[in-house]
Amino acid sequence: MILEKLKALLSQQFQIDEEQINPETRLIEDLGADSLDVVDLAEVVEDEFDIEISDDMIENIHTVGDIVKCISELSGSFGGEGDVD
């Protein structure tokens, strides 16, 4: 569920087909994001999932899977069914 929502957000922000996004997708190398894009994405994710991502967490986000893990931990659904798939 988290991954599917995130794929929709990433698809919209980076004009890329959702089918091309998976947990291993790298934000900078695969999506062409720069550091400002990552910060903007963090803000969108915070709004969408009603969480607050610290600057330290943002610095450690490199893949879509990293974002899913961050959302899961902050929303209290870590390890929940369907988080990554």
N, C-alpha and C. Protein backbone atom coordinates (compact mmCIF):
# COMPACT_ATOMS: atom_id res chain seq x y z
N MET A 1 0.83 -1.19 0.00
CA MET A 1 0.00 0.00 0.00
C MET A 1 0.87 1.26 0.00
N ILE A 2 1.87 1.31 0.88
CA ILE A 2 2.74 2.48 0.93
C ILE A 2 3.48 2.63 -0.40
N LEU A 3 4.01 1.53 -0.90
CA LEU A 3 4.77 1.60 -2.16
C LEU A 3 3.88 2.07 -3.30
N GLU A 4 2.66 1.58 -3.37
CA GLU A 4 1.78 1.99 -4.46
C GLU A 4 1.47 3.48 -4.41
N LYS A 5 1.20 4.01 -3.22
CA LYS A 5 0.96 5.45 -3.07
C LYS A 5 2.21 6.25 -3.46
N LEU A 6 3.35 5.75 -3.01
CA LEU A 6 4.61 6.42 -3.28
C LEU A 6 4.94 6.40 -4.78
N LYS A 7 4.67 5.29 -5.42
CA LYS A 7 4.90 5.21 -6.86
C LYS A 7 4.07 6.24 -7.61
N ALA A 8 2.84 6.45 -7.18
CA ALA A 8 1.98 7.45 -7.81
C ALA A 8 2.56 8.85 -7.62
N LEU A 9 3.04 9.14 -6.42
CA LEU A 9 3.64 10.45 -6.14
C LEU A 9 4.90 10.67 -6.98
N LEU A 10 5.75 9.64 -7.02
CA LEU A 10 7.00 9.75 -7.78
C LEU A 10 6.73 9.88 -9.28
N SER A 11 5.76 9.13 -9.76
CA SER A 11 5.39 9.18 -11.16
C SER A 11 4.97 10.59 -11.55
N GLN A 12 4.19 11.20 -10.70
CA GLN A 12 3.71 12.56 -10.95
C GLN A 12 4.86 13.57 -10.87
N GLN A 13 5.69 13.45 -9.84
CA GLN A 13 6.75 14.44 -9.63
C GLN A 13 7.85 14.34 -10.69
N PHE A 14 8.17 13.12 -11.12
CA PHE A 14 9.29 12.95 -12.04
C PHE A 14 8.86 12.58 -13.46
N GLN A 15 7.55 12.63 -13.74
CA GLN A 15 7.02 12.29 -15.06
C GLN A 15 7.60 10.97 -15.57
N ILE A 16 7.41 9.92 -14.78
CA ILE A 16 7.89 8.60 -15.13
C ILE A 16 6.76 7.60 -14.89
N ASP A 17 6.69 6.57 -15.70
CA ASP A 17 5.66 5.56 -15.59
C ASP A 17 5.82 4.79 -14.27
N GLU A 18 4.72 4.60 -13.56
CA GLU A 18 4.76 3.87 -12.28
C GLU A 18 5.38 2.49 -12.42
N GLU A 19 5.22 1.87 -13.58
CA GLU A 19 5.76 0.53 -13.81
C GLU A 19 7.28 0.50 -13.75
N GLN A 20 7.92 1.64 -13.93
CA GLN A 20 9.38 1.72 -13.91
C GLN A 20 9.92 1.96 -12.50
N ILE A 21 9.04 2.08 -11.52
CA ILE A 21 9.46 2.39 -10.15
C ILE A 21 9.30 1.15 -9.28
N ASN A 22 10.36 0.82 -8.55
CA ASN A 22 10.33 -0.30 -7.61
C ASN A 22 11.18 0.06 -6.40
N PRO A 23 11.22 -0.76 -5.36
CA PRO A 23 11.97 -0.40 -4.16
C PRO A 23 13.46 -0.14 -4.40
N GLU A 24 14.02 -0.72 -5.45
CA GLU A 24 15.45 -0.53 -5.74
C GLU A 24 15.72 0.72 -6.58
N THR A 25 14.68 1.38 -7.05
CA THR A 25 14.86 2.57 -7.88
C THR A 25 15.59 3.64 -7.09
N ARG A 26 16.70 4.13 -7.66
CA ARG A 26 17.51 5.15 -7.00
C ARG A 26 17.02 6.53 -7.42
N LEU A 27 16.85 7.40 -6.44
CA LEU A 27 16.28 8.71 -6.71
C LEU A 27 17.16 9.54 -7.64
N ILE A 28 18.44 9.60 -7.36
CA ILE A 28 19.33 10.45 -8.15
C ILE A 28 19.70 9.78 -9.48
N GLU A 29 20.20 8.57 -9.42
CA GLU A 29 20.68 7.90 -10.62
C GLU A 29 19.56 7.50 -11.57
N ASP A 30 18.45 6.98 -11.05
CA ASP A 30 17.38 6.46 -11.91
C ASP A 30 16.29 7.49 -12.24
N LEU A 31 15.98 8.34 -11.28
CA LEU A 31 14.91 9.31 -11.49
C LEU A 31 15.43 10.70 -11.87
N GLY A 32 16.74 10.91 -11.75
CA GLY A 32 17.31 12.20 -12.10
C GLY A 32 17.07 13.29 -11.08
N ALA A 33 16.78 12.89 -9.85
CA ALA A 33 16.54 13.87 -8.79
C ALA A 33 17.84 14.53 -8.35
N ASP A 34 17.73 15.78 -7.91
CA ASP A 34 18.87 16.41 -7.26
C ASP A 34 18.50 16.61 -5.80
N SER A 35 19.37 17.20 -5.02
CA SER A 35 19.12 17.32 -3.58
C SER A 35 17.86 18.13 -3.29
N LEU A 36 17.58 19.14 -4.09
CA LEU A 36 16.36 19.94 -3.90
C LEU A 36 15.12 19.10 -4.19
N ASP A 37 15.20 18.26 -5.23
CA ASP A 37 14.08 17.36 -5.54
C ASP A 37 13.79 16.42 -4.37
N VAL A 38 14.84 15.92 -3.73
CA VAL A 38 14.67 14.99 -2.61
C VAL A 38 13.99 15.70 -1.44
N VAL A 39 14.39 16.94 -1.17
CA VAL A 39 13.75 17.71 -0.10
C VAL A 39 12.29 17.99 -0.45
N ASP A 40 12.02 18.37 -1.70
CA ASP A 40 10.64 18.60 -2.14
C ASP A 40 9.82 17.32 -2.01
N LEU A 41 10.40 16.21 -2.40
CA LEU A 41 9.71 14.93 -2.30
C LEU A 41 9.41 14.60 -0.84
N ALA A 42 10.35 14.87 0.04
CA ALA A 42 10.14 14.61 1.46
C ALA A 42 8.94 15.41 1.97
N GLU A 43 8.81 16.65 1.53
CA GLU A 43 7.68 17.48 1.95
C GLU A 43 6.35 16.90 1.44
N VAL A 44 6.35 16.44 0.20
CA VAL A 44 5.14 15.84 -0.36
C VAL A 44 4.78 14.57 0.42
N VAL A 45 5.79 13.75 0.71
CA VAL A 45 5.56 12.52 1.46
C VAL A 45 5.05 12.83 2.87
N GLU A 46 5.63 13.85 3.50
CA GLU A 46 5.16 14.24 4.84
C GLU A 46 3.68 14.60 4.80
N ASP A 47 3.28 15.38 3.81
CA ASP A 47 1.88 15.79 3.70
C ASP A 47 0.97 14.60 3.41
N GLU A 48 1.39 13.75 2.48
CA GLU A 48 0.56 12.63 2.04
C GLU A 48 0.38 11.59 3.14
N PHE A 49 1.44 11.33 3.92
CA PHE A 49 1.40 10.27 4.92
C PHE A 49 1.27 10.80 6.35
N ASP A 50 1.15 12.12 6.50
CA ASP A 50 1.00 12.77 7.80
C ASP A 50 2.11 12.35 8.77
N ILE A 51 3.35 12.54 8.32
CA ILE A 51 4.53 12.22 9.13
C ILE A 51 5.48 13.40 9.05
N GLU A 52 6.53 13.37 9.86
CA GLU A 52 7.57 14.39 9.80
C GLU A 52 8.91 13.69 9.65
N ILE A 53 9.60 13.97 8.55
CA ILE A 53 10.88 13.35 8.25
C ILE A 53 12.00 14.31 8.66
N SER A 54 12.89 13.82 9.51
CA SER A 54 14.00 14.66 9.98
C SER A 54 15.04 14.85 8.88
N ASP A 55 15.85 15.89 9.02
CA ASP A 55 16.91 16.15 8.05
C ASP A 55 17.88 14.96 7.98
N ASP A 56 18.16 14.33 9.12
CA ASP A 56 19.04 13.17 9.14
C ASP A 56 18.47 12.03 8.30
N MET A 57 17.17 11.83 8.40
CA MET A 57 16.53 10.77 7.62
C MET A 57 16.60 11.10 6.13
N ILE A 58 16.36 12.36 5.79
CA ILE A 58 16.39 12.77 4.39
C ILE A 58 17.77 12.48 3.78
N GLU A 59 18.82 12.74 4.55
CA GLU A 59 20.18 12.51 4.06
C GLU A 59 20.45 11.05 3.77
N ASN A 60 19.69 10.14 4.42
CA ASN A 60 19.90 8.71 4.23
C ASN A 60 18.92 8.08 3.24
N ILE A 61 18.16 8.90 2.55
CA ILE A 61 17.22 8.39 1.55
C ILE A 61 17.90 8.40 0.18
N HIS A 62 18.08 7.20 -0.36
CA HIS A 62 18.72 7.07 -1.66
C HIS A 62 17.86 6.29 -2.66
N THR A 63 16.97 5.44 -2.14
CA THR A 63 16.13 4.62 -3.01
C THR A 63 14.67 4.76 -2.61
N VAL A 64 13.80 4.27 -3.46
CA VAL A 64 12.38 4.25 -3.15
C VAL A 64 12.14 3.39 -1.91
N GLY A 65 12.87 2.29 -1.81
CA GLY A 65 12.75 1.43 -0.63
C GLY A 65 13.11 2.15 0.66
N ASP A 66 14.11 3.05 0.59
CA ASP A 66 14.47 3.85 1.77
C ASP A 66 13.29 4.72 2.21
N ILE A 67 12.57 5.27 1.25
CA ILE A 67 11.42 6.11 1.58
C ILE A 67 10.32 5.26 2.20
N VAL A 68 10.07 4.09 1.63
CA VAL A 68 9.05 3.18 2.17
C VAL A 68 9.39 2.82 3.62
N LYS A 69 10.65 2.50 3.86
CA LYS A 69 11.09 2.15 5.23
C LYS A 69 10.87 3.33 6.18
N CYS A 70 11.23 4.50 5.74
CA CYS A 70 11.07 5.72 6.54
C CYS A 70 9.59 5.95 6.88
N ILE A 71 8.74 5.85 5.87
CA ILE A 71 7.30 6.04 6.08
C ILE A 71 6.77 5.00 7.05
N SER A 72 7.18 3.75 6.85
CA SER A 72 6.73 2.65 7.70
C SER A 72 7.11 2.88 9.16
N GLU A 73 8.36 3.28 9.37
CA GLU A 73 8.84 3.51 10.73
C GLU A 73 8.11 4.68 11.39
N LEU A 74 7.95 5.76 10.64
CA LEU A 74 7.34 6.96 11.22
C LEU A 74 5.83 6.84 11.39
N SER A 75 5.20 6.01 10.58
CA SER A 75 3.74 5.88 10.68
C SER A 75 3.34 4.73 11.59
N GLY A 76 4.34 3.99 12.09
CA GLY A 76 4.04 2.89 13.00
C GLY A 76 3.56 1.64 12.31
N SER A 77 3.74 1.56 10.98
CA SER A 77 3.30 0.36 10.28
C SER A 77 4.48 -0.47 9.80
N PHE A 78 5.65 -0.31 10.43
CA PHE A 78 6.84 -1.04 10.04
C PHE A 78 6.57 -2.54 10.11
N GLY A 79 6.89 -3.19 9.03
CA GLY A 79 6.70 -4.63 8.98
C GLY A 79 5.29 -5.04 8.66
N GLY A 80 4.42 -4.06 8.44
CA GLY A 80 3.02 -4.37 8.14
C GLY A 80 2.88 -4.98 6.77
N GLU A 81 1.86 -5.75 6.60
CA GLU A 81 1.63 -6.44 5.34
C GLU A 81 1.46 -5.43 4.20
N GLY A 82 2.18 -5.68 3.14
CA GLY A 82 2.02 -4.86 1.95
C GLY A 82 2.79 -3.56 1.95
N ASP A 83 3.68 -3.34 2.91
CA ASP A 83 4.41 -2.08 2.96
C ASP A 83 5.33 -1.91 1.76
N VAL A 84 6.04 -2.95 1.39
CA VAL A 84 7.04 -2.83 0.33
C VAL A 84 6.51 -3.31 -1.00
N ASP A 85 5.60 -4.24 -1.02
CA ASP A 85 5.11 -4.82 -2.29
C ASP A 85 4.09 -3.95 -2.94
